[in-house]
Amino acid sequence: MRKFEQESCRPLPAGTPPLAQAQIDAGLARLPGWTHEGGAIGKTFAFRNYAETMAFANGVAGIAQREDHHPEMLVGYDKCRVAYSTHSVGGISENDFICAAKIEALCRI
């Protein structure tokens, strides 16, 4: 089975179909704590303090820039909510799972 974190995002033009629910469920099974709600996949990450939260948020921003795929992020003192969807397909794409997996890998460092 391919590892999402070893993949790179690719441009998805308008009209590309989003993933089917079965594909989304299979992807989520590989990403502990990630859920599908509100048309996005997301997870809330908890930290000990603001400095750790901001270091994480900056790491996510670096991934987003390298992959040219940007999440919605809600940053608080000791937590950060990250949510991905692909606007050009009007739903969830493989790019969302690629970035989510790269964030999980970031957390293992």
Protein backbone atom coordinates (compact mmCIF):
# COMPACT_ATOMS: atom_id res chain seq x y z
CA MET A 1 0.00 0.00 0.00
CA ARG A 2 1.34 3.46 -0.91
CA LYS A 3 2.31 5.77 1.91
CA PHE A 4 0.63 9.14 1.55
CA GLU A 5 3.54 10.99 3.18
CA GLN A 6 5.86 9.82 0.39
CA GLU A 7 3.60 11.28 -2.30
CA SER A 8 3.40 14.85 -3.57
CA CYS A 9 0.28 16.85 -4.28
CA ARG A 10 -0.63 17.36 -7.90
CA PRO A 11 -2.79 20.00 -9.53
CA LEU A 12 -6.42 18.94 -9.78
CA PRO A 13 -8.37 20.98 -12.33
CA ALA A 14 -11.99 21.94 -11.81
CA GLY A 15 -14.19 19.06 -12.83
CA THR A 16 -11.96 16.43 -11.24
CA PRO A 17 -14.29 14.29 -9.14
CA PRO A 18 -13.83 14.22 -5.36
CA LEU A 19 -13.11 10.95 -3.59
CA ALA A 20 -16.03 8.64 -2.89
CA GLN A 21 -17.02 8.03 0.73
CA ALA A 22 -15.42 4.55 0.69
CA GLN A 23 -12.10 6.10 -0.40
CA ILE A 24 -12.37 8.76 2.30
CA ASP A 25 -13.08 6.12 4.93
CA ALA A 26 -10.07 4.06 3.77
CA GLY A 27 -7.82 7.12 3.95
CA LEU A 28 -9.06 8.07 7.41
CA ALA A 29 -8.35 4.55 8.64
CA ARG A 30 -4.68 5.29 7.98
CA LEU A 31 -4.70 8.62 9.86
CA PRO A 32 -5.48 8.20 13.57
CA GLY A 33 -7.63 10.98 15.00
CA TRP A 34 -8.59 12.52 11.66
CA THR A 35 -12.30 12.84 10.93
CA HIS A 36 -14.51 13.77 7.99
CA GLU A 37 -17.01 16.49 8.73
CA GLY A 38 -18.29 19.61 7.07
CA GLY A 39 -16.83 18.64 3.72
CA ALA A 40 -13.26 18.44 5.05
CA ILE A 41 -10.92 16.07 6.84
CA GLY A 42 -9.52 17.49 10.04
CA LYS A 43 -7.84 16.94 13.36
CA THR A 44 -7.20 19.00 16.49
CA PHE A 45 -3.66 18.77 17.84
CA ALA A 46 -2.91 19.54 21.51
CA PHE A 47 0.29 21.08 22.89
CA ARG A 48 1.75 22.13 26.24
CA ASN A 49 2.00 25.84 25.45
CA TYR A 50 1.76 28.56 22.84
CA ALA A 51 5.37 28.20 21.65
CA GLU A 52 4.81 24.51 20.82
CA THR A 53 1.52 25.33 19.12
CA MET A 54 3.13 28.00 16.96
CA ALA A 55 6.07 25.75 16.07
CA PHE A 56 3.56 23.17 14.87
CA ALA A 57 1.53 25.76 12.94
CA ASN A 58 4.70 26.97 11.22
CA GLY A 59 5.60 23.37 10.33
CA VAL A 60 2.15 22.91 8.80
CA ALA A 61 2.62 26.15 6.87
CA GLY A 62 5.91 24.84 5.48
CA ILE A 63 4.24 21.64 4.30
CA ALA A 64 1.42 23.67 2.75
CA GLN A 65 3.85 25.85 0.83
CA ARG A 66 5.94 22.91 -0.44
CA GLU A 67 2.83 21.00 -1.54
CA ASP A 68 0.94 24.10 -2.75
CA HIS A 69 -2.08 22.80 -0.85
CA HIS A 70 -3.22 24.96 2.05
CA PRO A 71 -5.43 23.97 4.99
CA GLU A 72 -7.77 25.95 7.15
CA MET A 73 -6.13 26.33 10.56
CA LEU A 74 -7.54 27.54 13.85
CA VAL A 75 -4.74 28.29 16.29
CA GLY A 76 -5.20 28.69 20.04
CA TYR A 77 -2.91 28.81 23.04
CA ASP A 78 -2.44 25.04 23.34
CA LYS A 79 -4.18 23.57 20.33
CA CYS A 80 -4.39 23.84 16.57
CA ARG A 81 -7.21 22.56 14.37
CA VAL A 82 -6.16 21.66 10.82
CA ALA A 83 -8.76 20.95 8.12
CA TYR A 84 -8.24 20.07 4.48
CA SER A 85 -10.53 20.02 1.48
CA THR A 86 -9.86 20.60 -2.20
CA HIS A 87 -11.82 23.52 -3.56
CA SER A 88 -11.18 22.67 -7.23
CA VAL A 89 -12.91 19.29 -6.84
CA GLY A 90 -15.58 20.47 -4.42
CA GLY A 91 -14.71 17.89 -1.78
CA ILE A 92 -11.96 15.62 -0.56
CA SER A 93 -9.05 14.60 -2.79
CA GLU A 94 -5.95 12.49 -2.40
CA ASN A 95 -4.01 15.76 -1.91
CA ASP A 96 -5.83 16.23 1.40
CA PHE A 97 -4.64 12.84 2.63
CA ILE A 98 -1.09 13.45 1.39
CA CYS A 99 -0.84 16.65 3.42
CA ALA A 100 -2.53 15.12 6.47
CA ALA A 101 -0.01 12.25 6.42
CA LYS A 102 2.88 14.71 6.14
CA ILE A 103 1.55 16.52 9.21
CA GLU A 104 1.38 13.22 11.09
CA ALA A 105 5.01 12.57 10.10
CA LEU A 106 5.89 16.06 11.37
CA CYS A 107 4.43 15.12 14.75
CA ARG A 108 6.71 12.08 14.97
CA ILE A 109 9.87 14.18 14.65
